[in-house]
Amino acid sequence: MTTPDSRPLRADARRNRDRLIEVAARAFAQDGPDVTLDAIAREAGVGIGTLYRHFPTREELVEAAYRSELARLCDSASQLLDAGPPDAALRAWMDGFVRYMTTKRGMSGALRALIATGGDPFSRSRAMLTAAITDLLQAGTAAGLLRADIEPDDVLFSLSGLSLAATTPEHHTRMSRLLDLLMDGLRHQASSGTPAD
């Protein structure tokens, strides 16, 4: 991480920046676009001057928070694959995707304000998400656990559609069942050898 004048950030400055991004993502998701920067700085345990040194405008903080959440989700694909079987990794990643979409929905007002100023926080989103899903699907296919005819965009569109329904705690319980059903459809089914009627 470098500052605008290309000097690397000190370790404590990097920690402050990372903490600000983490708190901002949560605050924008929970409290919407009207959360104050003072409140974010206070929760992050830094002064408002520190926040402005890292993020001179509100829009820069919004974009950094959104991109951090996106990167966290996409990076988790390889970590999940390292931790267990590919089908379990994909199912766990789906839970992460729903959390990401919930955060993004909570940040929608802040993101709209950013777009209105000419920012484009979504410029790489689809490519990053598709790459993560592709890695998970390829690992699952290679292991014989997932069907080989699945397109990454099919999974992305299915997850996006399902995520739109997860608006209350009651819906989150149903969401888990729906994601399990989606996984059942993605799993490789061995042929039973029974001729069709």
C-alpha atoms as a PDB file:
ATOM      1  CA  MET A   1       0.000   0.000   0.000  1.00  0.00           C
ATOM      2  CA  THR A   2       1.375   3.369  -0.965  1.00  0.00           C
ATOM      3  CA  THR A   3       0.349   6.927  -0.298  1.00  0.00           C
ATOM      4  CA  PRO A   4      -0.401   9.355  -3.154  1.00  0.00           C
ATOM      5  CA  ASP A   5       3.253  10.422  -3.138  1.00  0.00           C
ATOM      6  CA  SER A   6       4.246   6.723  -3.567  1.00  0.00           C
ATOM      7  CA  ARG A   7       5.779   6.238  -0.138  1.00  0.00           C
ATOM      8  CA  PRO A   8       4.770   2.942   1.494  1.00  0.00           C
ATOM      9  CA  LEU A   9       2.527   3.259   4.517  1.00  0.00           C
ATOM     10  CA  ARG A  10       4.034   2.551   7.923  1.00  0.00           C
ATOM     11  CA  ALA A  11       2.654  -0.544   9.651  1.00  0.00           C
ATOM     12  CA  ASP A  12       0.568   1.509  12.102  1.00  0.00           C
ATOM     13  CA  ALA A  13      -0.817   3.677   9.299  1.00  0.00           C
ATOM     14  CA  ARG A  14      -1.710   0.561   7.302  1.00  0.00           C
ATOM     15  CA  ARG A  15      -3.506  -0.879  10.330  1.00  0.00           C
ATOM     16  CA  ASN A  16      -5.447   2.366  10.770  1.00  0.00           C
ATOM     17  CA  ARG A  17      -6.422   2.379   7.103  1.00  0.00           C
ATOM     18  CA  ASP A  18      -7.523  -1.268   7.180  1.00  0.00           C
ATOM     19  CA  ARG A  19      -9.523  -0.674  10.361  1.00  0.00           C
ATOM     20  CA  LEU A  20     -11.231   2.371   8.835  1.00  0.00           C
ATOM     21  CA  ILE A  21     -12.238   0.338   5.782  1.00  0.00           C
ATOM     22  CA  GLU A  22     -13.557  -2.510   7.934  1.00  0.00           C
ATOM     23  CA  VAL A  23     -15.604  -0.189  10.148  1.00  0.00           C
ATOM     24  CA  ALA A  24     -16.859   1.839   7.176  1.00  0.00           C
ATOM     25  CA  ALA A  25     -18.134  -1.249   5.330  1.00  0.00           C
ATOM     26  CA  ARG A  26     -20.062  -2.364   8.397  1.00  0.00           C
ATOM     27  CA  ALA A  27     -21.355   1.144   9.160  1.00  0.00           C
ATOM     28  CA  PHE A  28     -22.538   1.846   5.610  1.00  0.00           C
ATOM     29  CA  ALA A  29     -24.250  -1.570   5.508  1.00  0.00           C
ATOM     30  CA  GLN A  30     -25.965  -1.193   8.895  1.00  0.00           C
ATOM     31  CA  ASP A  31     -26.676   2.537   9.070  1.00  0.00           C
ATOM     32  CA  GLY A  32     -26.847   3.526   5.406  1.00  0.00           C
ATOM     33  CA  PRO A  33     -25.220   6.404   3.538  1.00  0.00           C
ATOM     34  CA  ASP A  34     -25.955   8.991   6.220  1.00  0.00           C
ATOM     35  CA  VAL A  35     -23.586   7.550   8.823  1.00  0.00           C
ATOM     36  CA  THR A  36     -21.136  10.289   9.786  1.00  0.00           C
ATOM     37  CA  LEU A  37     -17.432  10.071   9.128  1.00  0.00           C
ATOM     38  CA  ASP A  38     -16.895  11.148  12.736  1.00  0.00           C
ATOM     39  CA  ALA A  39     -18.785   8.046  13.886  1.00  0.00           C
ATOM     40  CA  ILE A  40     -16.679   5.815  11.625  1.00  0.00           C
ATOM     41  CA  ALA A  41     -13.434   7.342  12.865  1.00  0.00           C
ATOM     42  CA  ARG A  42     -14.559   7.031  16.489  1.00  0.00           C
ATOM     43  CA  GLU A  43     -15.495   3.351  16.113  1.00  0.00           C
ATOM     44  CA  ALA A  44     -12.211   2.680  14.329  1.00  0.00           C
ATOM     45  CA  GLY A  45     -10.354   4.241  17.265  1.00  0.00           C
ATOM     46  CA  VAL A  46      -8.736   7.040  15.268  1.00  0.00           C
ATOM     47  CA  GLY A  47      -9.188  10.784  14.944  1.00  0.00           C
ATOM     48  CA  ILE A  48     -11.104  12.369  12.092  1.00  0.00           C
ATOM     49  CA  GLY A  49      -7.825  13.813  10.807  1.00  0.00           C
ATOM     50  CA  THR A  50      -6.454  10.294  10.380  1.00  0.00           C
ATOM     51  CA  LEU A  51      -9.534   9.315   8.400  1.00  0.00           C
ATOM     52  CA  TYR A  52      -9.149  12.305   6.090  1.00  0.00           C
ATOM     53  CA  ARG A  53      -5.426  11.619   5.590  1.00  0.00           C
ATOM     54  CA  HIS A  54      -6.307   8.193   4.195  1.00  0.00           C
ATOM     55  CA  PHE A  55      -9.589   9.134   2.523  1.00  0.00           C
ATOM     56  CA  PRO A  56      -9.774  12.837   1.613  1.00  0.00           C
ATOM     57  CA  THR A  57     -13.395  12.435   0.454  1.00  0.00           C
ATOM     58  CA  ARG A  58     -16.358  10.382   1.602  1.00  0.00           C
ATOM     59  CA  GLU A  59     -16.545   8.842  -1.879  1.00  0.00           C
ATOM     60  CA  GLU A  60     -13.006   7.468  -1.584  1.00  0.00           C
ATOM     61  CA  LEU A  61     -13.910   5.754   1.691  1.00  0.00           C
ATOM     62  CA  VAL A  62     -17.107   4.285   0.221  1.00  0.00           C
ATOM     63  CA  GLU A  63     -15.220   2.902  -2.775  1.00  0.00           C
ATOM     64  CA  ALA A  64     -12.436   1.459  -0.611  1.00  0.00           C
ATOM     65  CA  ALA A  65     -14.986  -0.204   1.680  1.00  0.00           C
ATOM     66  CA  TYR A  66     -16.882  -1.752  -1.214  1.00  0.00           C
ATOM     67  CA  ARG A  67     -13.747  -2.964  -2.998  1.00  0.00           C
ATOM     68  CA  SER A  68     -12.447  -4.452   0.255  1.00  0.00           C
ATOM     69  CA  GLU A  69     -15.631  -6.493   0.724  1.00  0.00           C
ATOM     70  CA  LEU A  70     -15.460  -7.685  -2.888  1.00  0.00           C
ATOM     71  CA  ALA A  71     -11.799  -8.671  -2.590  1.00  0.00           C
ATOM     72  CA  ARG A  72     -12.437 -10.479   0.703  1.00  0.00           C
ATOM     73  CA  LEU A  73     -15.163 -12.583  -0.909  1.00  0.00           C
ATOM     74  CA  CYS A  74     -13.182 -13.386  -4.044  1.00  0.00           C
ATOM     75  CA  ASP A  75      -9.981 -14.188  -2.149  1.00  0.00           C
ATOM     76  CA  SER A  76     -11.892 -16.569   0.118  1.00  0.00           C
ATOM     77  CA  ALA A  77     -12.441 -19.015  -2.775  1.00  0.00           C
ATOM     78  CA  SER A  78      -8.841 -20.264  -2.744  1.00  0.00           C
ATOM     79  CA  GLN A  79      -8.791 -20.347   1.059  1.00  0.00           C
ATOM     80  CA  LEU A  80     -11.949 -22.456   1.146  1.00  0.00           C
ATOM     81  CA  LEU A  81     -10.553 -24.823  -1.491  1.00  0.00           C
ATOM     82  CA  ASP A  82      -7.432 -25.284   0.633  1.00  0.00           C
ATOM     83  CA  ALA A  83      -9.564 -26.073   3.679  1.00  0.00           C
ATOM     84  CA  GLY A  84     -11.881 -28.770   2.350  1.00  0.00           C
ATOM     85  CA  PRO A  85     -13.578 -30.548  -0.558  1.00  0.00           C
ATOM     86  CA  PRO A  86     -14.554 -28.363  -3.519  1.00  0.00           C
ATOM     87  CA  ASP A  87     -18.311 -28.840  -3.121  1.00  0.00           C
ATOM     88  CA  ALA A  88     -18.131 -27.809   0.541  1.00  0.00           C
ATOM     89  CA  ALA A  89     -15.921 -24.868  -0.484  1.00  0.00           C
ATOM     90  CA  LEU A  90     -18.497 -23.709  -3.037  1.00  0.00           C
ATOM     91  CA  ARG A  91     -21.341 -24.019  -0.531  1.00  0.00           C
ATOM     92  CA  ALA A  92     -19.404 -21.996   2.077  1.00  0.00           C
ATOM     93  CA  TRP A  93     -18.532 -19.416  -0.595  1.00  0.00           C
ATOM     94  CA  MET A  94     -22.233 -19.081  -1.395  1.00  0.00           C
ATOM     95  CA  ASP A  95     -22.869 -18.071   2.233  1.00  0.00           C
ATOM     96  CA  GLY A  96     -20.126 -15.479   1.866  1.00  0.00           C
ATOM     97  CA  PHE A  97     -21.716 -14.197  -1.332  1.00  0.00           C
ATOM     98  CA  VAL A  98     -25.049 -13.649   0.420  1.00  0.00           C
ATOM     99  CA  ARG A  99     -23.283 -11.715   3.203  1.00  0.00           C
ATOM    100  CA  TYR A 100     -21.453  -9.649   0.556  1.00  0.00           C
ATOM    101  CA  MET A 101     -24.726  -8.861  -1.221  1.00  0.00           C
ATOM    102  CA  THR A 102     -26.360  -7.886   2.073  1.00  0.00           C
ATOM    103  CA  THR A 103     -23.465  -5.514   2.767  1.00  0.00           C
ATOM    104  CA  LYS A 104     -23.623  -4.152  -0.777  1.00  0.00           C
ATOM    105  CA  ARG A 105     -27.368  -3.580  -0.456  1.00  0.00           C
ATOM    106  CA  GLY A 106     -26.793  -1.720   2.803  1.00  0.00           C
ATOM    107  CA  MET A 107     -24.174   0.402   1.054  1.00  0.00           C
ATOM    108  CA  SER A 108     -26.383   1.069  -1.969  1.00  0.00           C
ATOM    109  CA  GLY A 109     -27.148   4.667  -1.022  1.00  0.00           C
ATOM    110  CA  ALA A 110     -23.470   5.414  -0.457  1.00  0.00           C
ATOM    111  CA  LEU A 111     -22.556   3.642  -3.706  1.00  0.00           C
ATOM    112  CA  ARG A 112     -25.184   5.606  -5.654  1.00  0.00           C
ATOM    113  CA  ALA A 113     -23.725   8.819  -4.274  1.00  0.00           C
ATOM    114  CA  LEU A 114     -20.271   7.671  -5.395  1.00  0.00           C
ATOM    115  CA  ILE A 115     -21.538   6.866  -8.906  1.00  0.00           C
ATOM    116  CA  ALA A 116     -23.206  10.295  -9.077  1.00  0.00           C
ATOM    117  CA  THR A 117     -19.771  11.882  -8.613  1.00  0.00           C
ATOM    118  CA  GLY A 118     -18.339   9.899 -11.544  1.00  0.00           C
ATOM    119  CA  GLY A 119     -16.925   6.923  -9.632  1.00  0.00           C
ATOM    120  CA  ASP A 120     -17.286   3.354 -10.902  1.00  0.00           C
ATOM    121  CA  PRO A 121     -16.939   0.966  -7.963  1.00  0.00           C
ATOM    122  CA  PHE A 122     -18.308  -1.948 -10.010  1.00  0.00           C
ATOM    123  CA  SER A 123     -15.828  -1.780 -12.889  1.00  0.00           C
ATOM    124  CA  ARG A 124     -14.175  -5.104 -12.027  1.00  0.00           C
ATOM    125  CA  SER A 125     -16.832  -6.746  -9.850  1.00  0.00           C
ATOM    126  CA  ARG A 126     -18.290  -9.202 -12.333  1.00  0.00           C
ATOM    127  CA  ALA A 127     -14.900 -10.314 -13.645  1.00  0.00           C
ATOM    128  CA  MET A 128     -13.599 -10.925 -10.108  1.00  0.00           C
ATOM    129  CA  LEU A 129     -16.725 -12.815  -9.028  1.00  0.00           C
ATOM    130  CA  THR A 130     -16.752 -14.914 -12.196  1.00  0.00           C
ATOM    131  CA  ALA A 131     -13.079 -15.822 -11.724  1.00  0.00           C
ATOM    132  CA  ALA A 132     -13.710 -16.973  -8.143  1.00  0.00           C
ATOM    133  CA  ILE A 133     -16.719 -19.072  -9.162  1.00  0.00           C
ATOM    134  CA  THR A 134     -14.765 -20.547 -12.081  1.00  0.00           C
ATOM    135  CA  ASP A 135     -11.998 -21.726  -9.743  1.00  0.00           C
ATOM    136  CA  LEU A 136     -14.537 -23.349  -7.417  1.00  0.00           C
ATOM    137  CA  LEU A 137     -16.418 -25.046 -10.268  1.00  0.00           C
ATOM    138  CA  GLN A 138     -13.278 -26.324 -11.966  1.00  0.00           C
ATOM    139  CA  ALA A 139     -12.003 -27.818  -8.706  1.00  0.00           C
ATOM    140  CA  GLY A 140     -15.364 -29.469  -8.102  1.00  0.00           C
ATOM    141  CA  THR A 141     -15.549 -30.863 -11.629  1.00  0.00           C
ATOM    142  CA  ALA A 142     -11.984 -32.189 -11.455  1.00  0.00           C
ATOM    143  CA  ALA A 143     -12.848 -33.958  -8.191  1.00  0.00           C
ATOM    144  CA  GLY A 144     -15.967 -35.489  -9.744  1.00  0.00           C
ATOM    145  CA  LEU A 145     -18.194 -33.672  -7.249  1.00  0.00           C
ATOM    146  CA  LEU A 146     -19.797 -31.045  -9.474  1.00  0.00           C
ATOM    147  CA  ARG A 147     -21.398 -31.236 -12.887  1.00  0.00           C
ATOM    148  CA  ALA A 148     -19.208 -30.325 -15.822  1.00  0.00           C
ATOM    149  CA  ASP A 149     -21.913 -28.402 -17.716  1.00  0.00           C
ATOM    150  CA  ILE A 150     -22.250 -25.478 -15.300  1.00  0.00           C
ATOM    151  CA  GLU A 151     -21.482 -21.980 -16.518  1.00  0.00           C
ATOM    152  CA  PRO A 152     -20.019 -19.591 -13.896  1.00  0.00           C
ATOM    153  CA  ASP A 153     -22.557 -16.938 -14.914  1.00  0.00           C
ATOM    154  CA  ASP A 154     -25.387 -19.407 -14.184  1.00  0.00           C
ATOM    155  CA  VAL A 155     -24.158 -19.648 -10.595  1.00  0.00           C
ATOM    156  CA  LEU A 156     -23.587 -15.897 -10.323  1.00  0.00           C
ATOM    157  CA  PHE A 157     -27.064 -15.040 -11.621  1.00  0.00           C
ATOM    158  CA  SER A 158     -28.694 -17.685  -9.397  1.00  0.00           C
ATOM    159  CA  LEU A 159     -26.911 -16.398  -6.303  1.00  0.00           C
ATOM    160  CA  SER A 160     -27.697 -12.787  -7.166  1.00  0.00           C
ATOM    161  CA  GLY A 161     -31.378 -13.598  -7.580  1.00  0.00           C
ATOM    162  CA  LEU A 162     -31.564 -15.547  -4.342  1.00  0.00           C
ATOM    163  CA  SER A 163     -29.726 -12.809  -2.467  1.00  0.00           C
ATOM    164  CA  LEU A 164     -32.379 -10.267  -3.396  1.00  0.00           C
ATOM    165  CA  ALA A 165     -34.840 -12.190  -1.218  1.00  0.00           C
ATOM    166  CA  ALA A 166     -32.661 -12.196   1.928  1.00  0.00           C
ATOM    167  CA  THR A 167     -33.993  -9.022   3.488  1.00  0.00           C
ATOM    168  CA  THR A 168     -34.997 -10.171   6.999  1.00  0.00           C
ATOM    169  CA  PRO A 169     -33.598 -12.632   9.577  1.00  0.00           C
ATOM    170  CA  GLU A 170     -36.458 -15.026   8.752  1.00  0.00           C
ATOM    171  CA  HIS A 171     -35.427 -14.942   5.109  1.00  0.00           C
ATOM    172  CA  HIS A 172     -31.857 -15.866   6.059  1.00  0.00           C
ATOM    173  CA  THR A 173     -33.080 -19.213   7.424  1.00  0.00           C
ATOM    174  CA  ARG A 174     -34.912 -19.884   4.191  1.00  0.00           C
ATOM    175  CA  MET A 175     -31.861 -18.709   2.236  1.00  0.00           C
ATOM    176  CA  SER A 176     -29.765 -21.517   3.705  1.00  0.00           C
ATOM    177  CA  ARG A 177     -32.297 -24.078   2.460  1.00  0.00           C
ATOM    178  CA  LEU A 178     -32.414 -22.465  -0.971  1.00  0.00           C
ATOM    179  CA  LEU A 179     -28.626 -22.501  -1.245  1.00  0.00           C
ATOM    180  CA  ASP A 180     -28.641 -26.199  -0.298  1.00  0.00           C
ATOM    181  CA  LEU A 181     -31.154 -26.811  -3.096  1.00  0.00           C
ATOM    182  CA  LEU A 182     -28.963 -24.904  -5.544  1.00  0.00           C
ATOM    183  CA  MET A 183     -25.968 -27.001  -4.479  1.00  0.00           C
ATOM    184  CA  ASP A 184     -27.970 -30.189  -5.025  1.00  0.00           C
ATOM    185  CA  GLY A 185     -28.556 -29.069  -8.602  1.00  0.00           C
ATOM    186  CA  LEU A 186     -24.840 -28.378  -9.118  1.00  0.00           C
ATOM    187  CA  ARG A 187     -23.583 -31.700  -7.794  1.00  0.00           C
ATOM    188  CA  HIS A 188     -22.527 -34.480 -10.137  1.00  0.00           C
ATOM    189  CA  GLN A 189     -25.069 -37.278 -10.215  1.00  0.00           C
ATOM    190  CA  ALA A 190     -23.758 -40.741 -11.013  1.00  0.00           C
ATOM    191  CA  SER A 191     -25.848 -42.517 -13.640  1.00  0.00           C
ATOM    192  CA  SER A 192     -28.155 -45.102 -12.102  1.00  0.00           C
ATOM    193  CA  GLY A 193     -28.079 -47.190 -15.251  1.00  0.00           C
ATOM    194  CA  THR A 194     -31.882 -47.353 -15.269  1.00  0.00           C
ATOM    195  CA  PRO A 195     -33.237 -46.908 -18.768  1.00  0.00           C
ATOM    196  CA  ALA A 196     -35.590 -43.986 -19.308  1.00  0.00           C
ATOM    197  CA  ASP A 197     -39.305 -44.718 -19.785  1.00  0.00           C
END
